[in-house]
Amino acid sequence: MRWRLTAFNASNTEAQTVALASPILDGADASLAEASERIQGVSLSYVRNPLATQASEAAAARESYQALMRYEGRVLCVHPFQEGVGDGGGLYRYLSAPNAAARLAAKLTDAQDAGRPRGLLDAVAVLIVARDLAGFAERLAAFNAVFPTPELQLAQRRAAQLATLEQEKWILPDAPLTPLWVARDGVQIPRLAQHGRAVGAQLATAQGYAAETPSPVAELQAVIERKRQRLQQLQSHYDQLKGQLTGQAGHALYAQGDASAIAAQLQAGAPGHEFVLTAGALFVAGVGQLTFLKENFGL
């Protein structure tokens, strides 16, 4: 077969495809007029949902619950990769659990910190502990999934990258030959994309009439089923969130008092130095404002 000159021509397949939509679009006006007449003859009656009263109570409870979560407080985070906090040098830094608790306590009583909390406080402290970088990244990910904290998200990414480096730093991949294959889709060609949009608009309009075929009862049943699935998804998501902080991934503490009293409680009974990688989060607010966090950590 020889090479030959070529020119761009309209596709026969395109013409045949457009022809399929023509009779549907031609009958659209008559179909809409008939539908309007049917609507005029429909008698509608409404039944109040028996759950409406309970739904009103749920709305009030939701507002109360959201008010409980909107506490005005502060959070302090420590992790091994902060300058002056972790031990070690270069890429690899460490912070044991007792040292992390001591650092949180020191910041509570830091006389040079003008932003330190004062007065009578409630405090919830969490220590996320691990013995290796991979486990540290995994446990930080579980914590950040429920309580996303920018500082601990940075620590999570750093730990994950270092864990990957440990596993792959001895792998020397071979380079492929050049040139490289490039993925290309027909719709990336501007002329073909224009034709595709034009044909697609006609076919989509024609296809829309198929959606009007099911009876109203079938459509309502479909809505009910989607709502049932949504309720199941909500329950599943809630159960998943409750289970993400179980196990030995972290240790939590609730304390009450002034800054000095809370600092003393933070250092008493902290996990041991066997946990060489630790990240800590300390939430503080006025008395009675951390009920939501306290209950979530089972304190």
Protein backbone atom coordinates (compact mmCIF):
# COMPACT_ATOMS: atom_id res chain seq x y z
CA MET A 1 0.00 0.00 0.00
CA ARG A 2 1.39 3.40 -1.03
CA TRP A 3 1.31 6.73 0.80
CA ARG A 4 -1.31 9.06 -0.66
CA LEU A 5 -2.61 12.59 -0.14
CA THR A 6 -5.59 12.94 2.18
CA ALA A 7 -8.12 15.62 3.12
CA PHE A 8 -10.56 16.04 5.99
CA ASN A 9 -14.12 14.92 5.14
CA ALA A 10 -17.31 14.70 7.15
CA SER A 11 -17.87 11.19 8.52
CA ASN A 12 -20.64 8.97 7.14
CA THR A 13 -21.04 7.62 10.67
CA GLU A 14 -21.67 11.16 11.89
CA ALA A 15 -24.45 11.74 9.35
CA GLN A 16 -26.12 8.41 10.22
CA THR A 17 -25.94 9.21 13.93
CA VAL A 18 -27.54 12.64 13.49
CA ALA A 19 -30.30 11.10 11.37
CA LEU A 20 -31.34 8.93 14.32
CA ALA A 21 -32.16 12.03 16.40
CA SER A 22 -34.08 13.94 13.70
CA PRO A 23 -37.55 12.29 14.03
CA ILE A 24 -37.42 12.66 17.82
CA LEU A 25 -36.55 16.34 17.68
CA ASP A 26 -39.15 17.00 14.97
CA GLY A 27 -41.92 15.64 17.22
CA ALA A 28 -40.79 17.57 20.32
CA ASP A 29 -43.23 20.49 19.99
CA ALA A 30 -46.28 18.25 19.68
CA SER A 31 -45.13 16.14 22.62
CA LEU A 32 -44.69 19.20 24.85
CA ALA A 33 -48.14 20.52 23.98
CA GLU A 34 -49.73 17.15 24.80
CA ALA A 35 -47.85 16.99 28.13
CA SER A 36 -49.11 20.45 29.06
CA GLU A 37 -52.72 19.35 28.46
CA ARG A 38 -52.26 16.25 30.64
CA ILE A 39 -50.89 18.34 33.50
CA GLN A 40 -53.98 20.56 33.44
CA GLY A 41 -56.18 17.52 34.09
CA VAL A 42 -54.23 16.10 37.03
CA SER A 43 -55.77 16.33 40.51
CA LEU A 44 -53.18 16.68 43.24
CA SER A 45 -53.53 15.97 46.97
CA TYR A 46 -50.81 16.07 49.60
CA VAL A 47 -50.31 14.02 52.76
CA ARG A 48 -48.20 15.40 55.62
CA ASN A 49 -45.29 13.14 56.52
CA PRO A 50 -45.90 11.62 60.00
CA LEU A 51 -42.21 12.16 60.81
CA ALA A 52 -42.52 15.94 60.39
CA THR A 53 -42.97 16.63 64.13
CA GLN A 54 -39.94 14.55 65.06
CA ALA A 55 -38.01 16.21 62.23
CA SER A 56 -38.63 19.60 63.84
CA GLU A 57 -37.20 18.29 67.12
CA ALA A 58 -34.19 16.93 65.23
CA ALA A 59 -33.58 20.34 63.69
CA ALA A 60 -33.47 21.93 67.14
CA ALA A 61 -31.10 19.22 68.37
CA ARG A 62 -28.86 19.79 65.36
CA GLU A 63 -28.60 23.51 66.11
CA SER A 64 -27.74 22.75 69.73
CA TYR A 65 -25.10 20.20 68.68
CA GLN A 66 -23.50 22.61 66.22
CA ALA A 67 -23.38 25.29 68.91
CA LEU A 68 -21.52 22.79 71.10
CA MET A 69 -18.90 22.26 68.39
CA ARG A 70 -18.42 25.97 67.76
CA TYR A 71 -16.19 26.49 70.78
CA GLU A 72 -13.67 29.30 70.91
CA GLY A 73 -10.37 27.71 71.78
CA ARG A 74 -6.82 27.14 70.65
CA VAL A 75 -4.81 24.15 69.53
CA LEU A 76 -1.07 23.52 69.88
CA CYS A 77 0.69 20.82 67.87
CA VAL A 78 4.17 19.32 68.26
CA HIS A 79 5.91 16.76 66.04
CA PRO A 80 9.49 15.57 65.41
CA PHE A 81 10.04 17.66 62.27
CA GLN A 82 9.59 21.05 63.94
CA GLU A 83 12.76 23.06 64.40
CA GLY A 84 14.00 22.83 67.98
CA VAL A 85 11.45 20.19 68.98
CA GLY A 86 12.64 16.84 67.58
CA ASP A 87 16.00 15.14 68.22
CA GLY A 88 18.38 14.00 65.51
CA GLY A 89 19.67 15.69 62.39
CA GLY A 90 19.18 15.87 58.64
CA LEU A 91 16.14 14.10 57.28
CA TYR A 92 15.69 11.81 60.25
CA ARG A 93 14.35 13.33 63.46
CA TYR A 94 12.70 11.77 66.48
CA LEU A 95 10.48 12.81 69.38
CA SER A 96 9.65 10.38 72.16
CA ALA A 97 6.29 10.44 73.91
CA PRO A 98 7.53 11.89 77.26
CA ASN A 99 9.43 14.64 75.43
CA ALA A 100 6.36 15.52 73.37
CA ALA A 101 4.24 15.78 76.54
CA ALA A 102 6.95 17.92 78.17
CA ARG A 103 7.03 20.24 75.18
CA LEU A 104 3.25 20.75 75.32
CA ALA A 105 3.51 21.46 79.04
CA ALA A 106 6.36 23.92 78.51
CA LYS A 107 4.39 25.92 75.97
CA LEU A 108 1.50 26.26 78.41
CA THR A 109 3.78 28.08 80.87
CA ASP A 110 6.01 29.86 78.32
CA ALA A 111 6.32 33.36 79.79
CA GLN A 112 7.67 34.73 76.50
CA ASP A 113 4.60 33.61 74.53
CA ALA A 114 2.10 36.45 74.56
CA GLY A 115 -0.57 34.20 73.02
CA ARG A 116 -0.53 31.50 75.71
CA PRO A 117 -3.94 30.70 77.25
CA ARG A 118 -4.71 32.11 80.68
CA GLY A 119 -7.28 31.61 83.38
CA LEU A 120 -9.27 28.51 84.25
CA LEU A 121 -9.19 26.14 81.29
CA ASP A 122 -10.39 22.82 79.95
CA ALA A 123 -7.77 20.87 78.01
CA VAL A 124 -7.80 17.76 75.85
CA ALA A 125 -4.38 16.39 74.87
CA VAL A 126 -3.69 13.66 72.32
CA LEU A 127 -0.38 11.85 71.69
CA ILE A 128 -0.08 9.88 68.43
CA VAL A 129 2.76 7.41 68.93
CA ALA A 130 4.68 4.95 66.74
CA ARG A 131 7.99 3.10 66.54
CA ASP A 132 8.62 3.46 62.78
CA LEU A 133 7.94 6.00 60.05
CA ALA A 134 5.39 3.91 58.15
CA GLY A 135 3.30 3.33 61.27
CA PHE A 136 3.66 6.99 62.24
CA ALA A 137 2.32 8.14 58.86
CA GLU A 138 -0.57 5.67 59.05
CA ARG A 139 -1.65 6.76 62.53
CA LEU A 140 -1.35 10.43 61.69
CA ALA A 141 -3.55 9.78 58.65
CA ALA A 142 -6.21 8.18 60.89
CA PHE A 143 -6.15 11.19 63.23
CA ASN A 144 -6.20 13.75 60.42
CA ALA A 145 -9.14 12.00 58.78
CA VAL A 146 -11.28 12.93 61.79
CA PHE A 147 -9.51 16.03 63.14
CA PRO A 148 -7.62 17.56 60.19
CA THR A 149 -4.84 19.75 61.57
CA PRO A 150 -2.47 21.51 59.12
CA GLU A 151 0.65 20.97 61.26
CA LEU A 152 -0.02 17.26 61.69
CA GLN A 153 -0.94 16.87 58.02
CA LEU A 154 2.52 18.22 57.17
CA ALA A 155 4.06 15.72 59.60
CA GLN A 156 2.01 12.93 58.03
CA ARG A 157 3.29 13.72 54.53
CA ARG A 158 6.89 14.03 55.76
CA ALA A 159 6.75 10.68 57.56
CA ALA A 160 5.16 8.98 54.54
CA GLN A 161 7.82 10.39 52.19
CA LEU A 162 10.65 9.26 54.47
CA ALA A 163 9.12 5.80 54.78
CA THR A 164 8.96 5.56 50.98
CA LEU A 165 12.57 6.76 50.71
CA GLU A 166 13.69 4.03 53.09
CA GLN A 167 12.07 1.37 50.93
CA GLU A 168 13.06 2.66 47.50
CA LYS A 169 16.40 4.44 47.83
CA TRP A 170 18.32 1.37 46.59
CA ILE A 171 16.17 0.86 43.50
CA LEU A 172 17.89 2.01 40.29
CA PRO A 173 15.36 1.85 37.44
CA ASP A 174 16.42 1.51 33.79
CA ALA A 175 15.40 4.32 31.47
CA PRO A 176 13.15 3.43 28.48
CA LEU A 177 14.18 4.07 24.91
CA THR A 178 13.25 7.38 23.33
CA PRO A 179 10.96 8.64 21.92
CA LEU A 180 8.14 7.79 24.31
CA TRP A 181 4.60 6.71 23.49
CA VAL A 182 2.09 9.46 24.14
CA ALA A 183 -1.55 8.75 25.02
CA ARG A 184 -3.90 10.54 22.65
CA ASP A 185 -7.68 10.69 22.63
CA GLY A 186 -9.67 11.61 19.56
CA VAL A 187 -11.52 14.36 21.42
CA GLN A 188 -8.19 16.14 21.95
CA ILE A 189 -8.22 17.02 18.24
CA PRO A 190 -10.06 20.37 18.04
CA ARG A 191 -11.94 19.67 14.79
CA LEU A 192 -13.16 16.28 15.97
CA ALA A 193 -14.11 17.73 19.36
CA GLN A 194 -16.30 20.38 17.69
CA HIS A 195 -18.13 17.75 15.66
CA GLY A 196 -18.50 15.58 18.76
CA ARG A 197 -20.10 18.38 20.76
CA ALA A 198 -22.51 19.25 17.96
CA VAL A 199 -23.61 15.64 17.45
CA GLY A 200 -23.71 15.00 21.21
CA ALA A 201 -26.04 17.96 21.81
CA GLN A 202 -28.56 16.62 19.31
CA LEU A 203 -28.40 13.07 20.63
CA ALA A 204 -28.62 14.21 24.26
CA THR A 205 -31.75 16.21 23.53
CA ALA A 206 -33.30 13.22 21.79
CA GLN A 207 -32.21 10.87 24.56
CA GLY A 208 -33.88 13.10 27.14
CA TYR A 209 -37.29 12.01 25.92
CA ALA A 210 -36.53 8.46 27.02
CA ALA A 211 -36.38 9.74 30.60
CA GLU A 212 -40.03 10.81 30.37
CA THR A 213 -41.20 7.28 29.62
CA PRO A 214 -41.30 5.84 33.21
CA SER A 215 -44.50 6.33 35.16
CA PRO A 216 -44.58 8.85 38.03
CA VAL A 217 -44.99 5.97 40.49
CA ALA A 218 -41.78 4.33 39.24
CA GLU A 219 -39.94 7.62 39.52
CA LEU A 220 -41.13 8.13 43.10
CA GLN A 221 -40.06 4.59 43.99
CA ALA A 222 -36.61 5.37 42.57
CA VAL A 223 -36.43 8.53 44.72
CA ILE A 224 -37.37 6.50 47.81
CA GLU A 225 -34.68 3.93 47.03
CA ARG A 226 -32.04 6.62 46.58
CA LYS A 227 -33.04 8.15 49.92
CA ARG A 228 -32.79 4.72 51.59
CA GLN A 229 -29.29 4.25 50.14
CA ARG A 230 -28.31 7.72 51.33
CA LEU A 231 -29.38 6.89 54.90
CA GLN A 232 -27.30 3.71 54.78
CA GLN A 233 -24.30 5.68 53.53
CA LEU A 234 -24.66 8.22 56.35
CA GLN A 235 -24.75 5.46 58.98
CA SER A 236 -21.77 3.67 57.41
CA HIS A 237 -19.74 6.88 57.30
CA TYR A 238 -20.55 7.66 60.95
CA ASP A 239 -19.53 4.15 62.05
CA GLN A 240 -16.30 4.44 60.07
CA LEU A 241 -15.41 7.74 61.74
CA LYS A 242 -16.05 6.28 65.19
CA GLY A 243 -13.68 3.38 64.45
CA GLN A 244 -10.79 5.39 63.05
CA LEU A 245 -9.27 6.29 66.41
CA THR A 246 -9.54 2.94 68.16
CA GLY A 247 -6.61 0.72 69.10
CA GLN A 248 -3.13 1.76 70.25
CA ALA A 249 -2.61 4.59 67.77
CA GLY A 250 -2.88 7.32 70.37
CA HIS A 251 -3.27 8.32 74.01
CA ALA A 252 -5.64 11.04 75.20
CA LEU A 253 -5.90 13.07 78.40
CA TYR A 254 -8.51 15.48 79.80
CA ALA A 255 -7.37 18.09 82.30
CA GLN A 256 -8.89 21.12 83.98
CA GLY A 257 -7.33 24.05 85.83
CA ASP A 258 -4.94 26.88 85.12
CA ALA A 259 -1.97 26.55 82.77
CA SER A 260 0.42 25.33 85.49
CA ALA A 261 -1.97 22.65 86.74
CA ILE A 262 -2.64 21.36 83.24
CA ALA A 263 1.10 21.33 82.46
CA ALA A 264 1.74 19.14 85.50
CA GLN A 265 -0.98 16.68 84.47
CA LEU A 266 0.38 16.46 80.93
CA GLN A 267 3.75 15.13 82.13
CA ALA A 268 2.33 12.66 84.64
CA GLY A 269 1.87 9.16 83.24
CA ALA A 270 2.85 9.92 79.64
CA PRO A 271 3.74 6.91 77.41
CA GLY A 272 7.36 5.77 77.56
CA HIS A 273 10.46 6.51 75.49
CA GLU A 274 9.96 3.28 73.52
CA PHE A 275 7.71 5.34 71.23
CA VAL A 276 10.43 7.23 69.39
CA LEU A 277 8.04 9.01 67.02
CA THR A 278 5.30 11.10 68.61
CA ALA A 279 3.02 13.92 67.53
CA GLY A 280 0.94 15.81 70.04
CA ALA A 281 -2.14 18.01 69.83
CA LEU A 282 -3.36 20.09 72.77
CA PHE A 283 -6.82 21.67 72.59
CA VAL A 284 -7.63 24.34 75.19
CA ALA A 285 -10.73 26.46 75.75
CA GLY A 286 -12.83 27.92 78.52
CA VAL A 287 -14.36 25.62 81.11
CA GLY A 288 -17.18 23.49 79.65
CA GLN A 289 -16.41 24.28 76.00
CA LEU A 290 -14.57 21.06 75.10
CA THR A 291 -17.44 18.67 75.78
CA PHE A 292 -17.56 17.63 72.13
CA LEU A 293 -13.84 16.72 71.96
CA LYS A 294 -13.90 15.15 75.42
CA GLU A 295 -16.71 12.78 74.47
CA ASN A 296 -15.19 11.96 71.10
CA PHE A 297 -11.98 10.76 72.75
CA GLY A 298 -13.93 8.82 75.38
CA LEU A 299 -12.63 10.92 78.28
